[in-house]
């Protein structure tokens, strides 16, 4: 029996790797009292300072009301601040505070551990090629729908 053609399983493989990677990251995050949505929001805020709450919800793939509640908690913890946008006071831009730095460092540490576990046994050259191909696939798909083009933060 011949080996299966992995190209026909591309979508399933991609989804399965993503599901397992996210689950493993979430396990690690829970150990330090963090949630995946919190990590995503902090990562996007680091990448896109001053982003609106609405856009943050889109990027982090979290319902807008859930983002509001999450930002309320992060603001109460002193990790973020909201500022009224000068052009429209109904719009709030969100910014990390200096107090968020240690939490972001922890998120990056967890991401690095999960990445290392995921790429165990894969040499650096193959890993870099894989990541370059994955970035090209993302770019190919972004060309078909530029409105859906998202900035990509570091993990998570």
N, C-alpha and C. Protein backbone atom coordinates (compact mmCIF):
# COMPACT_ATOMS: atom_id res chain seq x y z
N UNK A 1 0.86 -1.18 0.00
CA UNK A 1 0.00 0.00 0.00
C UNK A 1 0.90 1.24 0.00
N UNK A 2 0.57 2.19 -0.84
CA UNK A 2 1.40 3.39 -0.94
C UNK A 2 0.99 4.41 0.11
N UNK A 3 1.92 5.31 0.37
CA UNK A 3 1.67 6.36 1.35
C UNK A 3 0.58 7.30 0.82
N UNK A 4 -0.24 7.83 1.71
CA UNK A 4 -1.30 8.74 1.26
C UNK A 4 -0.71 10.03 0.71
N UNK A 5 -1.43 10.63 -0.22
CA UNK A 5 -1.03 11.93 -0.77
C UNK A 5 -1.41 12.99 0.26
N UNK A 6 -0.41 13.50 0.99
CA UNK A 6 -0.70 14.46 2.06
C UNK A 6 -1.32 15.75 1.55
N UNK A 7 -1.09 16.08 0.28
CA UNK A 7 -1.67 17.33 -0.24
C UNK A 7 -3.20 17.27 -0.23
N UNK A 8 -3.76 16.07 -0.32
CA UNK A 8 -5.23 15.96 -0.27
C UNK A 8 -5.76 16.11 1.15
N UNK A 9 -4.85 16.05 2.12
CA UNK A 9 -5.24 16.18 3.52
C UNK A 9 -4.84 17.52 4.11
N UNK A 10 -4.42 18.45 3.27
CA UNK A 10 -3.86 19.72 3.72
C UNK A 10 -4.75 20.42 4.74
N UNK A 11 -6.00 20.64 4.41
CA UNK A 11 -6.91 21.36 5.32
C UNK A 11 -7.06 20.65 6.65
N UNK A 12 -7.20 19.34 6.61
CA UNK A 12 -7.34 18.57 7.84
C UNK A 12 -6.07 18.64 8.68
N UNK A 13 -4.91 18.50 8.02
CA UNK A 13 -3.64 18.57 8.75
C UNK A 13 -3.46 19.94 9.39
N UNK A 14 -3.73 20.97 8.63
CA UNK A 14 -3.57 22.33 9.14
C UNK A 14 -4.49 22.56 10.34
N UNK A 15 -5.74 22.15 10.21
CA UNK A 15 -6.69 22.32 11.32
C UNK A 15 -6.27 21.50 12.54
N UNK A 16 -5.79 20.28 12.32
CA UNK A 16 -5.42 19.41 13.43
C UNK A 16 -4.19 19.95 14.16
N UNK A 17 -3.19 20.40 13.41
CA UNK A 17 -2.01 20.98 14.03
C UNK A 17 -2.40 22.23 14.82
N UNK A 18 -3.23 23.07 14.23
CA UNK A 18 -3.67 24.28 14.91
C UNK A 18 -4.43 23.95 16.19
N UNK A 19 -5.34 23.00 16.10
CA UNK A 19 -6.14 22.62 17.28
C UNK A 19 -5.24 22.11 18.40
N UNK A 20 -4.31 21.24 18.06
CA UNK A 20 -3.43 20.67 19.07
C UNK A 20 -2.47 21.73 19.64
N UNK A 21 -1.98 22.60 18.78
CA UNK A 21 -1.07 23.65 19.23
C UNK A 21 -1.80 24.58 20.21
N UNK A 22 -2.99 25.00 19.84
CA UNK A 22 -3.77 25.90 20.69
C UNK A 22 -4.10 25.21 22.01
N UNK A 23 -4.50 23.96 21.95
CA UNK A 23 -4.84 23.24 23.19
C UNK A 23 -3.63 23.16 24.11
N UNK A 24 -2.47 22.87 23.56
CA UNK A 24 -1.26 22.78 24.39
C UNK A 24 -0.89 24.14 24.97
N UNK A 25 -1.01 25.20 24.16
CA UNK A 25 -0.73 26.54 24.68
C UNK A 25 -1.70 26.88 25.80
N UNK A 26 -2.98 26.58 25.60
CA UNK A 26 -3.98 26.86 26.63
C UNK A 26 -3.68 26.13 27.93
N UNK A 27 -3.23 24.89 27.84
CA UNK A 27 -2.86 24.15 29.05
C UNK A 27 -1.77 24.90 29.81
N UNK A 28 -0.77 25.32 29.09
CA UNK A 28 0.33 26.06 29.73
C UNK A 28 -0.16 27.39 30.31
N UNK A 29 -0.99 28.08 29.57
CA UNK A 29 -1.49 29.38 30.03
C UNK A 29 -2.31 29.23 31.31
N UNK A 30 -3.14 28.21 31.37
CA UNK A 30 -3.95 27.98 32.58
C UNK A 30 -3.07 27.77 33.80
N UNK A 31 -1.92 27.14 33.61
CA UNK A 31 -1.01 26.87 34.73
C UNK A 31 -0.52 28.17 35.38
N UNK A 32 -0.54 29.27 34.63
CA UNK A 32 -0.10 30.57 35.17
C UNK A 32 -1.27 31.55 35.21
N UNK A 33 -2.49 31.03 35.28
CA UNK A 33 -3.72 31.82 35.41
C UNK A 33 -3.94 32.79 34.25
N UNK A 34 -3.63 32.36 33.04
CA UNK A 34 -3.93 33.15 31.85
C UNK A 34 -4.90 32.37 30.98
N UNK A 35 -5.64 33.11 30.14
CA UNK A 35 -6.54 32.47 29.19
C UNK A 35 -6.05 32.79 27.78
N UNK A 36 -6.46 31.96 26.83
CA UNK A 36 -6.09 32.21 25.45
C UNK A 36 -6.60 33.57 24.96
N UNK A 37 -7.85 33.93 25.23
CA UNK A 37 -8.30 35.26 24.78
C UNK A 37 -7.45 36.40 25.36
N UNK A 38 -7.07 36.28 26.63
CA UNK A 38 -6.22 37.31 27.23
C UNK A 38 -4.89 37.38 26.50
N UNK A 39 -4.30 36.23 26.24
CA UNK A 39 -3.01 36.20 25.54
C UNK A 39 -3.13 36.78 24.14
N UNK A 40 -4.18 36.43 23.44
CA UNK A 40 -4.39 36.97 22.08
C UNK A 40 -4.52 38.49 22.11
N UNK A 41 -5.35 38.98 23.02
CA UNK A 41 -5.56 40.43 23.11
C UNK A 41 -4.25 41.15 23.42
N UNK A 42 -3.51 40.66 24.38
CA UNK A 42 -2.24 41.30 24.72
C UNK A 42 -1.27 41.26 23.55
N UNK A 43 -1.21 40.15 22.85
CA UNK A 43 -0.30 40.03 21.70
C UNK A 43 -0.69 41.01 20.60
N UNK A 44 -1.98 41.13 20.31
CA UNK A 44 -2.41 42.09 19.28
C UNK A 44 -2.18 43.53 19.73
N UNK A 45 -2.38 43.81 21.00
CA UNK A 45 -2.14 45.18 21.48
C UNK A 45 -0.67 45.54 21.40
N UNK A 46 0.20 44.57 21.62
CA UNK A 46 1.62 44.86 21.47
C UNK A 46 1.96 45.15 20.01
N UNK A 47 1.33 44.41 19.12
CA UNK A 47 1.60 44.54 17.68
C UNK A 47 0.91 45.78 17.08
N UNK A 48 -0.24 46.14 17.63
CA UNK A 48 -1.06 47.23 17.07
C UNK A 48 -1.46 48.21 18.16
N UNK A 49 -0.51 48.96 18.74
CA UNK A 49 -0.89 49.88 19.82
C UNK A 49 -1.90 50.92 19.34
N UNK A 50 -2.88 51.18 20.18
CA UNK A 50 -3.88 52.19 19.84
C UNK A 50 -5.00 51.68 18.96
N UNK A 51 -5.08 50.38 18.78
CA UNK A 51 -6.13 49.79 17.96
C UNK A 51 -7.48 50.03 18.62
N UNK A 52 -8.53 50.09 17.82
CA UNK A 52 -9.87 50.27 18.39
C UNK A 52 -10.36 48.95 18.98
N UNK A 53 -11.27 49.05 19.91
CA UNK A 53 -11.85 47.85 20.52
C UNK A 53 -12.51 46.97 19.48
N UNK A 54 -13.18 47.60 18.52
CA UNK A 54 -13.89 46.85 17.48
C UNK A 54 -12.90 46.05 16.63
N UNK A 55 -11.83 46.71 16.20
CA UNK A 55 -10.84 46.02 15.37
C UNK A 55 -10.11 44.94 16.18
N UNK A 56 -9.86 45.21 17.44
CA UNK A 56 -9.22 44.22 18.31
C UNK A 56 -10.08 42.96 18.39
N UNK A 57 -11.38 43.12 18.52
CA UNK A 57 -12.29 41.97 18.57
C UNK A 57 -12.19 41.17 17.27
N UNK A 58 -12.15 41.88 16.14
CA UNK A 58 -12.04 41.20 14.84
C UNK A 58 -10.74 40.39 14.76
N UNK A 59 -9.64 41.04 15.09
CA UNK A 59 -8.33 40.39 14.97
C UNK A 59 -8.20 39.21 15.90
N UNK A 60 -8.65 39.36 17.12
CA UNK A 60 -8.50 38.30 18.12
C UNK A 60 -9.59 37.22 17.99
N UNK A 61 -10.52 37.43 17.06
CA UNK A 61 -11.62 36.48 16.83
C UNK A 61 -12.40 36.23 18.13
N UNK A 62 -12.76 37.35 18.76
CA UNK A 62 -13.53 37.31 20.00
C UNK A 62 -14.74 38.22 19.81
N UNK A 63 -15.88 37.80 20.31
CA UNK A 63 -17.08 38.62 20.20
C UNK A 63 -16.84 40.00 20.82
N UNK A 64 -17.36 41.07 20.20
CA UNK A 64 -17.12 42.42 20.71
C UNK A 64 -17.46 42.61 22.19
N UNK A 65 -18.58 42.08 22.63
CA UNK A 65 -18.95 42.25 24.05
C UNK A 65 -17.98 41.49 24.96
N UNK A 66 -17.49 40.35 24.50
CA UNK A 66 -16.51 39.61 25.30
C UNK A 66 -15.20 40.38 25.39
N UNK A 67 -14.83 41.07 24.31
CA UNK A 67 -13.62 41.89 24.33
C UNK A 67 -13.79 43.04 25.31
N UNK A 68 -14.97 43.64 25.33
CA UNK A 68 -15.23 44.73 26.28
C UNK A 68 -15.05 44.24 27.70
N UNK A 69 -15.62 43.07 28.02
CA UNK A 69 -15.49 42.53 29.38
C UNK A 69 -14.03 42.18 29.70
N UNK A 70 -13.33 41.62 28.73
CA UNK A 70 -11.93 41.27 28.93
C UNK A 70 -11.10 42.54 29.15
N UNK A 71 -11.36 43.57 28.35
CA UNK A 71 -10.62 44.83 28.51
C UNK A 71 -10.96 45.49 29.84
N UNK A 72 -12.20 45.36 30.29
CA UNK A 72 -12.56 45.88 31.61
C UNK A 72 -11.68 45.24 32.69
N UNK A 73 -11.52 43.91 32.61
CA UNK A 73 -10.68 43.21 33.60
C UNK A 73 -9.22 43.62 33.47
N UNK A 74 -8.72 43.69 32.23
CA UNK A 74 -7.32 44.07 32.03
C UNK A 74 -7.06 45.50 32.48
N UNK A 75 -8.05 46.36 32.29
CA UNK A 75 -7.90 47.75 32.73
C UNK A 75 -7.93 47.81 34.26
N UNK A 76 -8.81 47.04 34.88
CA UNK A 76 -8.87 47.00 36.35
C UNK A 76 -7.56 46.46 36.94
N UNK A 77 -6.90 45.57 36.20
CA UNK A 77 -5.60 45.03 36.64
C UNK A 77 -4.44 45.95 36.28
N UNK A 78 -4.74 47.05 35.60
CA UNK A 78 -3.71 48.02 35.26
C UNK A 78 -2.85 47.63 34.05
N UNK A 79 -3.32 46.68 33.24
CA UNK A 79 -2.52 46.20 32.11
C UNK A 79 -2.80 46.96 30.81
N UNK A 80 -3.99 47.55 30.70
CA UNK A 80 -4.34 48.32 29.50
C UNK A 80 -5.01 49.61 29.92
N UNK A 81 -5.02 50.54 28.98
CA UNK A 81 -5.81 51.76 29.17
C UNK A 81 -6.54 52.04 27.87
N UNK A 82 -7.73 52.60 28.04
CA UNK A 82 -8.54 53.00 26.89
C UNK A 82 -8.47 54.52 26.79
N UNK A 83 -8.39 54.98 25.57
CA UNK A 83 -8.37 56.42 25.33
C UNK A 83 -9.43 56.74 24.28
N UNK A 84 -10.14 57.82 24.51
CA UNK A 84 -11.10 58.27 23.50
C UNK A 84 -10.33 58.72 22.27
N UNK A 85 -10.79 58.29 21.12
CA UNK A 85 -10.14 58.69 19.86
C UNK A 85 -10.45 60.16 19.61
N UNK A 86 -9.46 60.94 19.21
CA UNK A 86 -9.68 62.38 19.01
C UNK A 86 -10.72 62.68 17.93
N UNK A 87 -10.83 61.82 16.94
CA UNK A 87 -11.76 62.06 15.83
C UNK A 87 -13.19 61.64 16.16
N UNK A 88 -13.37 60.77 17.17
CA UNK A 88 -14.69 60.28 17.52
C UNK A 88 -14.65 59.74 18.95
N UNK A 89 -15.24 60.46 19.87
CA UNK A 89 -15.14 60.08 21.28
C UNK A 89 -15.88 58.79 21.60
N UNK A 90 -16.72 58.31 20.67
CA UNK A 90 -17.39 57.02 20.88
C UNK A 90 -16.44 55.85 20.66
N UNK A 91 -15.35 56.13 19.96
CA UNK A 91 -14.36 55.09 19.65
C UNK A 91 -13.25 55.15 20.69
N UNK A 92 -12.90 54.00 21.22
CA UNK A 92 -11.81 53.94 22.19
C UNK A 92 -10.63 53.19 21.59
N UNK A 93 -9.47 53.82 21.69
CA UNK A 93 -8.26 53.11 21.30
C UNK A 93 -7.71 52.46 22.57
N UNK A 94 -7.06 51.33 22.38
CA UNK A 94 -6.59 50.55 23.53
C UNK A 94 -5.07 50.48 23.48
N UNK A 95 -4.46 50.68 24.64
CA UNK A 95 -3.00 50.71 24.75
C UNK A 95 -2.57 49.85 25.94
N UNK A 96 -1.44 49.18 25.77
CA UNK A 96 -0.84 48.46 26.89
C UNK A 96 -0.20 49.46 27.84
N UNK A 97 -0.17 49.12 29.10
CA UNK A 97 0.58 49.92 30.09
C UNK A 97 1.92 49.22 30.35
N UNK A 98 2.78 49.89 31.04
CA UNK A 98 4.07 49.29 31.40
C UNK A 98 3.88 48.03 32.24
N UNK A 99 2.80 47.99 33.02
CA UNK A 99 2.54 46.83 33.87
C UNK A 99 2.26 45.56 33.07
N UNK A 100 1.94 45.71 31.79
CA UNK A 100 1.65 44.54 30.96
C UNK A 100 2.92 43.81 30.52
N UNK A 101 4.08 44.47 30.60
CA UNK A 101 5.32 43.88 30.10
C UNK A 101 5.63 42.50 30.70
N UNK A 102 5.56 42.33 32.03
CA UNK A 102 5.86 40.99 32.56
C UNK A 102 4.86 39.93 32.11
N UNK A 103 3.61 40.31 31.94
CA UNK A 103 2.60 39.35 31.47
C UNK A 103 2.90 38.97 30.03
N UNK A 104 3.24 39.96 29.21
CA UNK A 104 3.62 39.67 27.82
C UNK A 104 4.86 38.79 27.77
N UNK A 105 5.81 39.03 28.63
CA UNK A 105 7.00 38.18 28.69
C UNK A 105 6.61 36.73 28.99
N UNK A 106 5.66 36.55 29.88
CA UNK A 106 5.19 35.21 30.21
C UNK A 106 4.48 34.57 29.01
N UNK A 107 3.67 35.34 28.31
CA UNK A 107 2.99 34.84 27.12
C UNK A 107 4.03 34.40 26.08
N UNK A 108 5.07 35.20 25.90
CA UNK A 108 6.12 34.86 24.94
C UNK A 108 6.88 33.61 25.37
N UNK A 109 7.09 33.46 26.67
CA UNK A 109 7.77 32.26 27.18
C UNK A 109 6.94 31.02 26.90
N UNK A 110 5.64 31.11 27.18
CA UNK A 110 4.75 29.99 26.92
C UNK A 110 4.70 29.66 25.43
N UNK A 111 4.68 30.70 24.61
CA UNK A 111 4.68 30.49 23.15
C UNK A 111 5.95 29.80 22.70
N UNK A 112 7.08 30.23 23.23
CA UNK A 112 8.36 29.63 22.85
C UNK A 112 8.41 28.15 23.26
N UNK A 113 7.91 27.84 24.44
CA UNK A 113 7.87 26.44 24.89
C UNK A 113 6.99 25.60 23.97
N UNK A 114 5.84 26.13 23.63
CA UNK A 114 4.90 25.39 22.79
C UNK A 114 5.44 25.22 21.38
N UNK A 115 6.08 26.26 20.86
CA UNK A 115 6.71 26.16 19.54
C UNK A 115 7.81 25.11 19.55
N UNK A 116 8.65 25.14 20.58
CA UNK A 116 9.76 24.18 20.67
C UNK A 116 9.22 22.75 20.72
N UNK A 117 8.17 22.55 21.48
CA UNK A 117 7.57 21.22 21.57
C UNK A 117 6.99 20.81 20.21
N UNK A 118 6.35 21.73 19.54
CA UNK A 118 5.73 21.46 18.25
C UNK A 118 6.77 21.10 17.19
N UNK A 119 7.89 21.81 17.20
CA UNK A 119 8.92 21.61 16.18
C UNK A 119 10.01 20.63 16.62
N UNK A 120 9.80 19.92 17.71
CA UNK A 120 10.79 18.94 18.18
C UNK A 120 11.08 17.94 17.06
N UNK A 121 12.37 17.71 16.81
CA UNK A 121 12.77 16.76 15.78
C UNK A 121 12.79 17.32 14.37
N UNK A 122 12.41 18.57 14.21
CA UNK A 122 12.43 19.21 12.89
C UNK A 122 13.65 20.13 12.87
N UNK A 123 14.55 19.89 11.91
CA UNK A 123 15.76 20.73 11.90
C UNK A 123 15.41 22.17 11.49
N UNK A 124 16.28 23.08 11.85
CA UNK A 124 16.03 24.52 11.68
C UNK A 124 15.74 24.88 10.22
N UNK A 125 16.45 24.27 9.30
CA UNK A 125 16.23 24.58 7.89
C UNK A 125 14.84 24.20 7.42
N UNK A 126 14.39 23.01 7.79
CA UNK A 126 13.04 22.57 7.41
C UNK A 126 11.98 23.43 8.11
N UNK A 127 12.23 23.77 9.37
CA UNK A 127 11.29 24.63 10.10
C UNK A 127 11.15 25.98 9.40
N UNK A 128 12.29 26.59 9.05
CA UNK A 128 12.25 27.90 8.40
C UNK A 128 11.56 27.83 7.04
N UNK A 129 11.81 26.76 6.29
CA UNK A 129 11.15 26.58 5.00
C UNK A 129 9.65 26.44 5.19
N UNK A 130 9.26 25.62 6.16
CA UNK A 130 7.84 25.43 6.45
C UNK A 130 7.17 26.75 6.80
N UNK A 131 7.80 27.53 7.66
CA UNK A 131 7.21 28.81 8.07
C UNK A 131 7.13 29.78 6.91
N UNK A 132 8.13 29.78 6.03
CA UNK A 132 8.10 30.64 4.86
C UNK A 132 6.96 30.24 3.92
N UNK A 133 6.78 28.94 3.73
CA UNK A 133 5.68 28.46 2.89
C UNK A 133 4.34 28.83 3.52
N UNK A 134 4.22 28.65 4.82
CA UNK A 134 2.98 29.00 5.51
C UNK A 134 2.66 30.48 5.36
N UNK A 135 3.68 31.34 5.48
CA UNK A 135 3.48 32.78 5.29
C UNK A 135 3.05 33.07 3.86
N UNK A 136 3.62 32.37 2.89
CA UNK A 136 3.22 32.56 1.49
C UNK A 136 1.77 32.13 1.27
N UNK A 137 1.37 31.03 1.89
CA UNK A 137 -0.03 30.59 1.78
C UNK A 137 -0.97 31.64 2.36
N UNK A 138 -0.59 32.18 3.51
CA UNK A 138 -1.40 33.24 4.12
C UNK A 138 -1.51 34.43 3.17
N UNK A 139 -0.38 34.83 2.60
CA UNK A 139 -0.38 35.97 1.68
C UNK A 139 -1.21 35.68 0.44
N UNK A 140 -1.13 34.46 -0.09
CA UNK A 140 -1.94 34.09 -1.25
C UNK A 140 -3.42 34.24 -0.94
N UNK A 141 -3.83 33.77 0.21
CA UNK A 141 -5.24 33.86 0.59
C UNK A 141 -5.64 35.30 0.90
N UNK A 142 -4.73 36.08 1.46
CA UNK A 142 -5.04 37.48 1.76
C UNK A 142 -5.28 38.27 0.47
N UNK A 143 -4.61 37.88 -0.61
CA UNK A 143 -4.81 38.57 -1.90
C UNK A 143 -6.23 38.39 -2.41
N UNK A 144 -6.86 37.27 -2.07
CA UNK A 144 -8.22 37.03 -2.53
C UNK A 144 -9.25 37.83 -1.75
N UNK A 145 -8.88 38.30 -0.59
CA UNK A 145 -9.79 39.10 0.24
C UNK A 145 -8.98 40.10 1.06
N UNK A 146 -8.53 41.20 0.43
CA UNK A 146 -7.69 42.17 1.15
C UNK A 146 -8.35 42.74 2.41
N UNK A 147 -9.66 42.78 2.46
CA UNK A 147 -10.34 43.31 3.65
C UNK A 147 -10.11 42.41 4.85
N UNK A 148 -9.76 41.16 4.60
CA UNK A 148 -9.54 40.21 5.68
C UNK A 148 -8.07 40.12 6.08
N UNK A 149 -7.25 40.98 5.51
CA UNK A 149 -5.82 40.93 5.83
C UNK A 149 -5.60 41.41 7.25
N UNK A 150 -4.93 40.59 8.04
CA UNK A 150 -4.71 40.87 9.44
C UNK A 150 -3.23 40.99 9.74
N UNK A 151 -2.85 41.89 10.62
CA UNK A 151 -1.46 41.86 11.09
C UNK A 151 -1.26 40.60 11.92
N UNK A 152 -0.13 39.99 11.78
CA UNK A 152 0.12 38.74 12.49
C UNK A 152 1.07 39.00 13.64
N UNK A 153 0.57 38.85 14.88
CA UNK A 153 1.46 39.04 16.02
C UNK A 153 2.31 37.80 16.22
N UNK A 154 3.25 37.92 17.11
CA UNK A 154 3.95 36.71 17.54
C UNK A 154 2.92 35.83 18.22
N UNK A 155 3.30 34.55 18.41
CA UNK A 155 2.36 33.65 19.06
C UNK A 155 1.79 34.32 20.29
N UNK A 156 0.66 33.98 20.67
CA UNK A 156 -0.16 32.86 20.33
C UNK A 156 -0.92 33.11 19.07
